[in-house]
């Protein structure tokens, strides 16, 4: 699964620097696929402030995140 410029993603894993928040929405500004990893440049969804490059492993597509939340609610 890859991310594209303009995709809305949700953080599912914190970074080492404390710049990300679990469950917060971000927008993909750029997506770079390399042979050994895939990195994305993100911006804050609300402010548009650039936050730098991160591994795509820190994020999931917003649709997938919503589906997981709905499944958890229905299982209760």
PDB file of N, CA and C in Angstrom:
ATOM      1  N   UNK A   1       0.852  -1.175   0.000  1.00  0.00           N
ATOM      2  CA  UNK A   1       0.000   0.000   0.000  1.00  0.00           C
ATOM      3  C   UNK A   1       0.895   1.233   0.000  1.00  0.00           C
ATOM      4  N   UNK A   2       0.617   2.156  -0.872  1.00  0.00           N
ATOM      5  CA  UNK A   2       1.382   3.384  -0.921  1.00  0.00           C
ATOM      6  C   UNK A   2       0.508   4.586  -0.638  1.00  0.00           C
ATOM      7  N   UNK A   3       1.141   5.668  -0.343  1.00  0.00           N
ATOM      8  CA  UNK A   3       0.442   6.929  -0.111  1.00  0.00           C
ATOM      9  C   UNK A   3       0.770   7.878  -1.258  1.00  0.00           C
ATOM     10  N   UNK A   4      -0.166   8.745  -1.558  1.00  0.00           N
ATOM     11  CA  UNK A   4       0.007   9.717  -2.630  1.00  0.00           C
ATOM     12  C   UNK A   4      -0.169  11.129  -2.097  1.00  0.00           C
ATOM     13  N   UNK A   5       0.388  12.078  -2.803  1.00  0.00           N
ATOM     14  CA  UNK A   5       0.247  13.485  -2.435  1.00  0.00           C
ATOM     15  C   UNK A   5      -1.238  13.817  -2.296  1.00  0.00           C
ATOM     16  N   UNK A   6      -1.583  14.488  -1.201  1.00  0.00           N
ATOM     17  CA  UNK A   6      -2.969  14.876  -0.959  1.00  0.00           C
ATOM     18  C   UNK A   6      -3.758  13.895  -0.116  1.00  0.00           C
ATOM     19  N   UNK A   7      -3.251  12.670   0.065  1.00  0.00           N
ATOM     20  CA  UNK A   7      -3.945  11.689   0.903  1.00  0.00           C
ATOM     21  C   UNK A   7      -4.017  12.189   2.342  1.00  0.00           C
ATOM     22  N   UNK A   8      -5.103  11.876   2.998  1.00  0.00           N
ATOM     23  CA  UNK A   8      -5.258  12.175   4.422  1.00  0.00           C
ATOM     24  C   UNK A   8      -4.947  10.891   5.176  1.00  0.00           C
ATOM     25  N   UNK A   9      -4.026  10.993   6.133  1.00  0.00           N
ATOM     26  CA  UNK A   9      -3.606   9.831   6.911  1.00  0.00           C
ATOM     27  C   UNK A   9      -3.767  10.143   8.396  1.00  0.00           C
ATOM     28  N   UNK A  10      -3.747   9.081   9.200  1.00  0.00           N
ATOM     29  CA  UNK A  10      -3.856   9.206  10.655  1.00  0.00           C
ATOM     30  C   UNK A  10      -2.632   8.546  11.269  1.00  0.00           C
ATOM     31  N   UNK A  11      -2.060   9.199  12.263  1.00  0.00           N
ATOM     32  CA  UNK A  11      -0.896   8.661  12.949  1.00  0.00           C
ATOM     33  C   UNK A  11      -1.299   7.462  13.814  1.00  0.00           C
ATOM     34  N   UNK A  12      -0.569   6.361  13.658  1.00  0.00           N
ATOM     35  CA  UNK A  12      -0.830   5.167  14.460  1.00  0.00           C
ATOM     36  C   UNK A  12       0.394   4.756  15.282  1.00  0.00           C
ATOM     37  N   UNK A  13       1.528   5.480  15.072  1.00  0.00           N
ATOM     38  CA  UNK A  13       2.765   5.161  15.782  1.00  0.00           C
ATOM     39  C   UNK A  13       3.547   6.457  15.987  1.00  0.00           C
ATOM     40  N   UNK A  14       3.995   6.691  17.207  1.00  0.00           N
ATOM     41  CA  UNK A  14       4.735   7.911  17.510  1.00  0.00           C
ATOM     42  C   UNK A  14       6.122   7.901  16.873  1.00  0.00           C
ATOM     43  N   UNK A  15       6.629   9.094  16.599  1.00  0.00           N
ATOM     44  CA  UNK A  15       7.993   9.238  16.104  1.00  0.00           C
ATOM     45  C   UNK A  15       8.940   9.382  17.297  1.00  0.00           C
ATOM     46  N   UNK A  16      10.228   9.400  17.041  1.00  0.00           N
ATOM     47  CA  UNK A  16      11.218   9.492  18.116  1.00  0.00           C
ATOM     48  C   UNK A  16      11.381  10.914  18.653  1.00  0.00           C
ATOM     49  N   UNK A  17      10.812  11.897  17.983  1.00  0.00           N
ATOM     50  CA  UNK A  17      11.049  13.291  18.344  1.00  0.00           C
ATOM     51  C   UNK A  17       9.852  13.984  18.989  1.00  0.00           C
ATOM     52  N   UNK A  18       8.730  13.305  19.067  1.00  0.00           N
ATOM     53  CA  UNK A  18       7.553  13.876  19.709  1.00  0.00           C
ATOM     54  C   UNK A  18       6.772  14.858  18.852  1.00  0.00           C
ATOM     55  N   UNK A  19       6.951  14.781  17.549  1.00  0.00           N
ATOM     56  CA  UNK A  19       6.241  15.693  16.655  1.00  0.00           C
ATOM     57  C   UNK A  19       4.872  15.170  16.218  1.00  0.00           C
ATOM     58  N   UNK A  20       4.638  13.894  16.388  1.00  0.00           N
ATOM     59  CA  UNK A  20       3.383  13.283  15.934  1.00  0.00           C
ATOM     60  C   UNK A  20       2.481  12.985  17.128  1.00  0.00           C
ATOM     61  N   UNK A  21       1.165  12.898  16.840  1.00  0.00           N
ATOM     62  CA  UNK A  21       0.181  12.531  17.858  1.00  0.00           C
ATOM     63  C   UNK A  21      -0.655  11.362  17.339  1.00  0.00           C
ATOM     64  N   UNK A  22      -0.779  10.334  18.150  1.00  0.00           N
ATOM     65  CA  UNK A  22      -1.611   9.177  17.795  1.00  0.00           C
ATOM     66  C   UNK A  22      -3.039   9.653  17.563  1.00  0.00           C
ATOM     67  N   UNK A  23      -3.641   9.215  16.454  1.00  0.00           N
ATOM     68  CA  UNK A  23      -5.024   9.545  16.144  1.00  0.00           C
ATOM     69  C   UNK A  23      -5.218  10.889  15.455  1.00  0.00           C
ATOM     70  N   UNK A  24      -4.152  11.646  15.264  1.00  0.00           N
ATOM     71  CA  UNK A  24      -4.259  12.959  14.619  1.00  0.00           C
ATOM     72  C   UNK A  24      -4.151  12.815  13.102  1.00  0.00           C
ATOM     73  N   UNK A  25      -4.908  13.672  12.392  1.00  0.00           N
ATOM     74  CA  UNK A  25      -4.899  13.657  10.928  1.00  0.00           C
ATOM     75  C   UNK A  25      -3.759  14.507  10.383  1.00  0.00           C
ATOM     76  N   UNK A  26      -3.138  13.997   9.315  1.00  0.00           N
ATOM     77  CA  UNK A  26      -2.095  14.697   8.586  1.00  0.00           C
ATOM     78  C   UNK A  26      -2.366  14.548   7.092  1.00  0.00           C
ATOM     79  N   UNK A  27      -1.812  15.456   6.315  1.00  0.00           N
ATOM     80  CA  UNK A  27      -1.947  15.377   4.859  1.00  0.00           C
ATOM     81  C   UNK A  27      -0.581  15.087   4.251  1.00  0.00           C
ATOM     82  N   UNK A  28      -0.566  14.224   3.248  1.00  0.00           N
ATOM     83  CA  UNK A  28       0.674  13.897   2.548  1.00  0.00           C
ATOM     84  C   UNK A  28       1.006  15.036   1.588  1.00  0.00           C
ATOM     85  N   UNK A  29       2.198  15.596   1.747  1.00  0.00           N
ATOM     86  CA  UNK A  29       2.667  16.643   0.846  1.00  0.00           C
ATOM     87  C   UNK A  29       3.519  16.049  -0.263  1.00  0.00           C
ATOM     88  N   UNK A  30       4.259  14.977   0.056  1.00  0.00           N
ATOM     89  CA  UNK A  30       5.088  14.305  -0.940  1.00  0.00           C
ATOM     90  C   UNK A  30       5.292  12.868  -0.496  1.00  0.00           C
ATOM     91  N   UNK A  31       5.525  12.000  -1.439  1.00  0.00           N
ATOM     92  CA  UNK A  31       5.715  10.580  -1.170  1.00  0.00           C
ATOM     93  C   UNK A  31       6.918  10.104  -1.975  1.00  0.00           C
ATOM     94  N   UNK A  32       7.903   9.517  -1.287  1.00  0.00           N
ATOM     95  CA  UNK A  32       9.129   9.095  -1.954  1.00  0.00           C
ATOM     96  C   UNK A  32       9.354   7.615  -1.686  1.00  0.00           C
ATOM     97  N   UNK A  33       9.345   6.825  -2.748  1.00  0.00           N
ATOM     98  CA  UNK A  33       9.600   5.393  -2.627  1.00  0.00           C
ATOM     99  C   UNK A  33      11.049   5.126  -2.990  1.00  0.00           C
ATOM    100  N   UNK A  34      11.763   4.494  -2.048  1.00  0.00           N
ATOM    101  CA  UNK A  34      13.143   4.101  -2.281  1.00  0.00           C
ATOM    102  C   UNK A  34      13.191   2.575  -2.276  1.00  0.00           C
ATOM    103  N   UNK A  35      14.331   2.018  -2.602  1.00  0.00           N
ATOM    104  CA  UNK A  35      14.413   0.562  -2.691  1.00  0.00           C
ATOM    105  C   UNK A  35      14.148  -0.123  -1.363  1.00  0.00           C
ATOM    106  N   UNK A  36      14.579   0.475  -0.253  1.00  0.00           N
ATOM    107  CA  UNK A  36      14.435  -0.196   1.035  1.00  0.00           C
ATOM    108  C   UNK A  36      13.386   0.412   1.952  1.00  0.00           C
ATOM    109  N   UNK A  37      12.811   1.552   1.578  1.00  0.00           N
ATOM    110  CA  UNK A  37      11.776   2.150   2.412  1.00  0.00           C
ATOM    111  C   UNK A  37      10.936   3.152   1.620  1.00  0.00           C
ATOM    112  N   UNK A  38       9.845   3.553   2.225  1.00  0.00           N
ATOM    113  CA  UNK A  38       8.923   4.524   1.633  1.00  0.00           C
ATOM    114  C   UNK A  38       8.740   5.619   2.669  1.00  0.00           C
ATOM    115  N   UNK A  39       9.126   6.842   2.324  1.00  0.00           N
ATOM    116  CA  UNK A  39       8.968   7.952   3.251  1.00  0.00           C
ATOM    117  C   UNK A  39       7.966   8.947   2.690  1.00  0.00           C
ATOM    118  N   UNK A  40       7.314   9.647   3.601  1.00  0.00           N
ATOM    119  CA  UNK A  40       6.331  10.640   3.196  1.00  0.00           C
ATOM    120  C   UNK A  40       6.617  11.950   3.913  1.00  0.00           C
ATOM    121  N   UNK A  41       6.388  13.036   3.205  1.00  0.00           N
ATOM    122  CA  UNK A  41       6.466  14.356   3.826  1.00  0.00           C
ATOM    123  C   UNK A  41       5.050  14.732   4.199  1.00  0.00           C
ATOM    124  N   UNK A  42       4.862  15.117   5.465  1.00  0.00           N
ATOM    125  CA  UNK A  42       3.513  15.420   5.932  1.00  0.00           C
ATOM    126  C   UNK A  42       3.386  16.877   6.351  1.00  0.00           C
ATOM    127  N   UNK A  43       2.143  17.336   6.305  1.00  0.00           N
ATOM    128  CA  UNK A  43       1.793  18.645   6.843  1.00  0.00           C
ATOM    129  C   UNK A  43       0.638  18.447   7.819  1.00  0.00           C
ATOM    130  N   UNK A  44       0.563  19.327   8.816  1.00  0.00           N
ATOM    131  CA  UNK A  44      -0.538  19.282   9.764  1.00  0.00           C
ATOM    132  C   UNK A  44      -1.836  19.531   9.003  1.00  0.00           C
ATOM    133  N   UNK A  45      -2.823  18.678   9.203  1.00  0.00           N
ATOM    134  CA  UNK A  45      -4.079  18.778   8.460  1.00  0.00           C
ATOM    135  C   UNK A  45      -4.787  20.102   8.701  1.00  0.00           C
ATOM    136  N   UNK A  46      -4.734  20.615   9.918  1.00  0.00           N
ATOM    137  CA  UNK A  46      -5.461  21.840  10.252  1.00  0.00           C
ATOM    138  C   UNK A  46      -4.689  23.116   9.922  1.00  0.00           C
ATOM    139  N   UNK A  47      -3.396  23.132  10.219  1.00  0.00           N
ATOM    140  CA  UNK A  47      -2.628  24.373  10.030  1.00  0.00           C
ATOM    141  C   UNK A  47      -1.878  24.441   8.708  1.00  0.00           C
ATOM    142  N   UNK A  48      -1.625  23.284   8.085  1.00  0.00           N
ATOM    143  CA  UNK A  48      -0.847  23.257   6.854  1.00  0.00           C
ATOM    144  C   UNK A  48       0.645  23.363   7.085  1.00  0.00           C
ATOM    145  N   UNK A  49       1.076  23.369   8.350  1.00  0.00           N
ATOM    146  CA  UNK A  49       2.494  23.487   8.688  1.00  0.00           C
ATOM    147  C   UNK A  49       3.233  22.194   8.324  1.00  0.00           C
ATOM    148  N   UNK A  50       4.344  22.342   7.618  1.00  0.00           N
ATOM    149  CA  UNK A  50       5.154  21.184   7.244  1.00  0.00           C
ATOM    150  C   UNK A  50       5.821  20.609   8.476  1.00  0.00           C
ATOM    151  N   UNK A  51       5.773  19.284   8.609  1.00  0.00           N
ATOM    152  CA  UNK A  51       6.346  18.615   9.767  1.00  0.00           C
ATOM    153  C   UNK A  51       7.512  17.708   9.415  1.00  0.00           C
ATOM    154  N   UNK A  52       7.885  17.635   8.153  1.00  0.00           N
ATOM    155  CA  UNK A  52       9.046  16.852   7.751  1.00  0.00           C
ATOM    156  C   UNK A  52       8.698  15.498   7.164  1.00  0.00           C
ATOM    157  N   UNK A  53       9.730  14.669   7.054  1.00  0.00           N
ATOM    158  CA  UNK A  53       9.611  13.348   6.447  1.00  0.00           C
ATOM    159  C   UNK A  53       9.534  12.264   7.520  1.00  0.00           C
ATOM    160  N   UNK A  54       8.674  11.276   7.273  1.00  0.00           N
ATOM    161  CA  UNK A  54       8.475  10.169   8.200  1.00  0.00           C
ATOM    162  C   UNK A  54       8.289   8.876   7.428  1.00  0.00           C
ATOM    163  N   UNK A  55       8.531   7.782   8.112  1.00  0.00           N
ATOM    164  CA  UNK A  55       8.246   6.477   7.534  1.00  0.00           C
ATOM    165  C   UNK A  55       6.739   6.320   7.380  1.00  0.00           C
ATOM    166  N   UNK A  56       6.316   5.707   6.301  1.00  0.00           N
ATOM    167  CA  UNK A  56       4.877   5.493   6.125  1.00  0.00           C
ATOM    168  C   UNK A  56       4.333   4.520   7.168  1.00  0.00           C
ATOM    169  N   UNK A  57       5.223   3.801   7.861  1.00  0.00           N
ATOM    170  CA  UNK A  57       4.790   2.868   8.906  1.00  0.00           C
ATOM    171  C   UNK A  57       4.150   3.568  10.097  1.00  0.00           C
ATOM    172  N   UNK A  58       4.344   4.889  10.210  1.00  0.00           N
ATOM    173  CA  UNK A  58       3.751   5.648  11.309  1.00  0.00           C
ATOM    174  C   UNK A  58       2.290   6.009  11.044  1.00  0.00           C
ATOM    175  N   UNK A  59       1.787   5.705   9.851  1.00  0.00           N
ATOM    176  CA  UNK A  59       0.470   6.194   9.436  1.00  0.00           C
ATOM    177  C   UNK A  59      -0.372   5.116   8.781  1.00  0.00           C
ATOM    178  N   UNK A  60      -1.682   5.371   8.767  1.00  0.00           N
ATOM    179  CA  UNK A  60      -2.617   4.559   8.013  1.00  0.00           C
ATOM    180  C   UNK A  60      -3.571   5.500   7.283  1.00  0.00           C
ATOM    181  N   UNK A  61      -4.154   5.018   6.198  1.00  0.00           N
ATOM    182  CA  UNK A  61      -5.146   5.812   5.465  1.00  0.00           C
ATOM    183  C   UNK A  61      -6.323   6.101   6.389  1.00  0.00           C
ATOM    184  N   UNK A  62      -6.905   7.274   6.263  1.00  0.00           N
ATOM    185  CA  UNK A  62      -8.010   7.659   7.146  1.00  0.00           C
ATOM    186  C   UNK A  62      -9.195   6.705   7.012  1.00  0.00           C
ATOM    187  N   UNK A  63      -9.458   6.195   5.809  1.00  0.00           N
ATOM    188  CA  UNK A  63     -10.568   5.251   5.620  1.00  0.00           C
ATOM    189  C   UNK A  63     -10.342   3.960   6.404  1.00  0.00           C
ATOM    190  N   UNK A  64      -9.111   3.453   6.375  1.00  0.00           N
ATOM    191  CA  UNK A  64      -8.790   2.238   7.122  1.00  0.00           C
ATOM    192  C   UNK A  64      -8.895   2.480   8.620  1.00  0.00           C
ATOM    193  N   UNK A  65      -8.445   3.631   9.083  1.00  0.00           N
ATOM    194  CA  UNK A  65      -8.512   3.990  10.498  1.00  0.00           C
ATOM    195  C   UNK A  65      -9.970   4.056  10.958  1.00  0.00           C
ATOM    196  N   UNK A  66     -10.817   4.684  10.154  1.00  0.00           N
ATOM    197  CA  UNK A  66     -12.251   4.778  10.493  1.00  0.00           C
ATOM    198  C   UNK A  66     -12.893   3.399  10.549  1.00  0.00           C
ATOM    199  N   UNK A  67     -12.565   2.537   9.569  1.00  0.00           N
ATOM    200  CA  UNK A  67     -13.118   1.182   9.558  1.00  0.00           C
ATOM    201  C   UNK A  67     -12.759   0.422  10.833  1.00  0.00           C
ATOM    202  N   UNK A  68     -11.510   0.560  11.283  1.00  0.00           N
ATOM    203  CA  UNK A  68     -11.079  -0.102  12.516  1.00  0.00           C
ATOM    204  C   UNK A  68     -11.844   0.414  13.725  1.00  0.00           C
ATOM    205  N   UNK A  69     -12.054   1.730  13.784  1.00  0.00           N
ATOM    206  CA  UNK A  69     -12.805   2.324  14.897  1.00  0.00           C
ATOM    207  C   UNK A  69     -14.249   1.817  14.907  1.00  0.00           C
ATOM    208  N   UNK A  70     -14.869   1.746  13.754  1.00  0.00           N
ATOM    209  CA  UNK A  70     -16.254   1.264  13.655  1.00  0.00           C
ATOM    210  C   UNK A  70     -16.339  -0.202  14.073  1.00  0.00           C
ATOM    211  N   UNK A  71     -15.366  -1.029  13.628  1.00  0.00           N
ATOM    212  CA  UNK A  71     -15.361  -2.437  14.009  1.00  0.00           C
ATOM    213  C   UNK A  71     -15.284  -2.588  15.523  1.00  0.00           C
ATOM    214  N   UNK A  72     -14.444  -1.806  16.172  1.00  0.00           N
ATOM    215  CA  UNK A  72     -14.307  -1.885  17.626  1.00  0.00           C
ATOM    216  C   UNK A  72     -15.602  -1.514  18.331  1.00  0.00           C
ATOM    217  N   UNK A  73     -16.294  -0.509  17.821  1.00  0.00           N
ATOM    218  CA  UNK A  73     -17.566  -0.082  18.417  1.00  0.00           C
ATOM    219  C   UNK A  73     -18.602  -1.184  18.270  1.00  0.00           C
ATOM    220  N   UNK A  74     -18.677  -1.796  17.093  1.00  0.00           N
ATOM    221  CA  UNK A  74     -19.676  -2.843  16.838  1.00  0.00           C
ATOM    222  C   UNK A  74     -19.398  -4.107  17.637  1.00  0.00           C
ATOM    223  N   UNK A  75     -18.148  -4.358  17.983  1.00  0.00           N
ATOM    224  CA  UNK A  75     -17.785  -5.551  18.752  1.00  0.00           C
ATOM    225  C   UNK A  75     -18.144  -5.422  20.237  1.00  0.00           C
ATOM    226  N   UNK A  76     -18.421  -4.223  20.692  1.00  0.00           N
ATOM    227  CA  UNK A  76     -18.712  -4.013  22.115  1.00  0.00           C
ATOM    228  C   UNK A  76     -20.084  -4.492  22.486  1.00  0.00           C
TER     229      UNK A  76
END
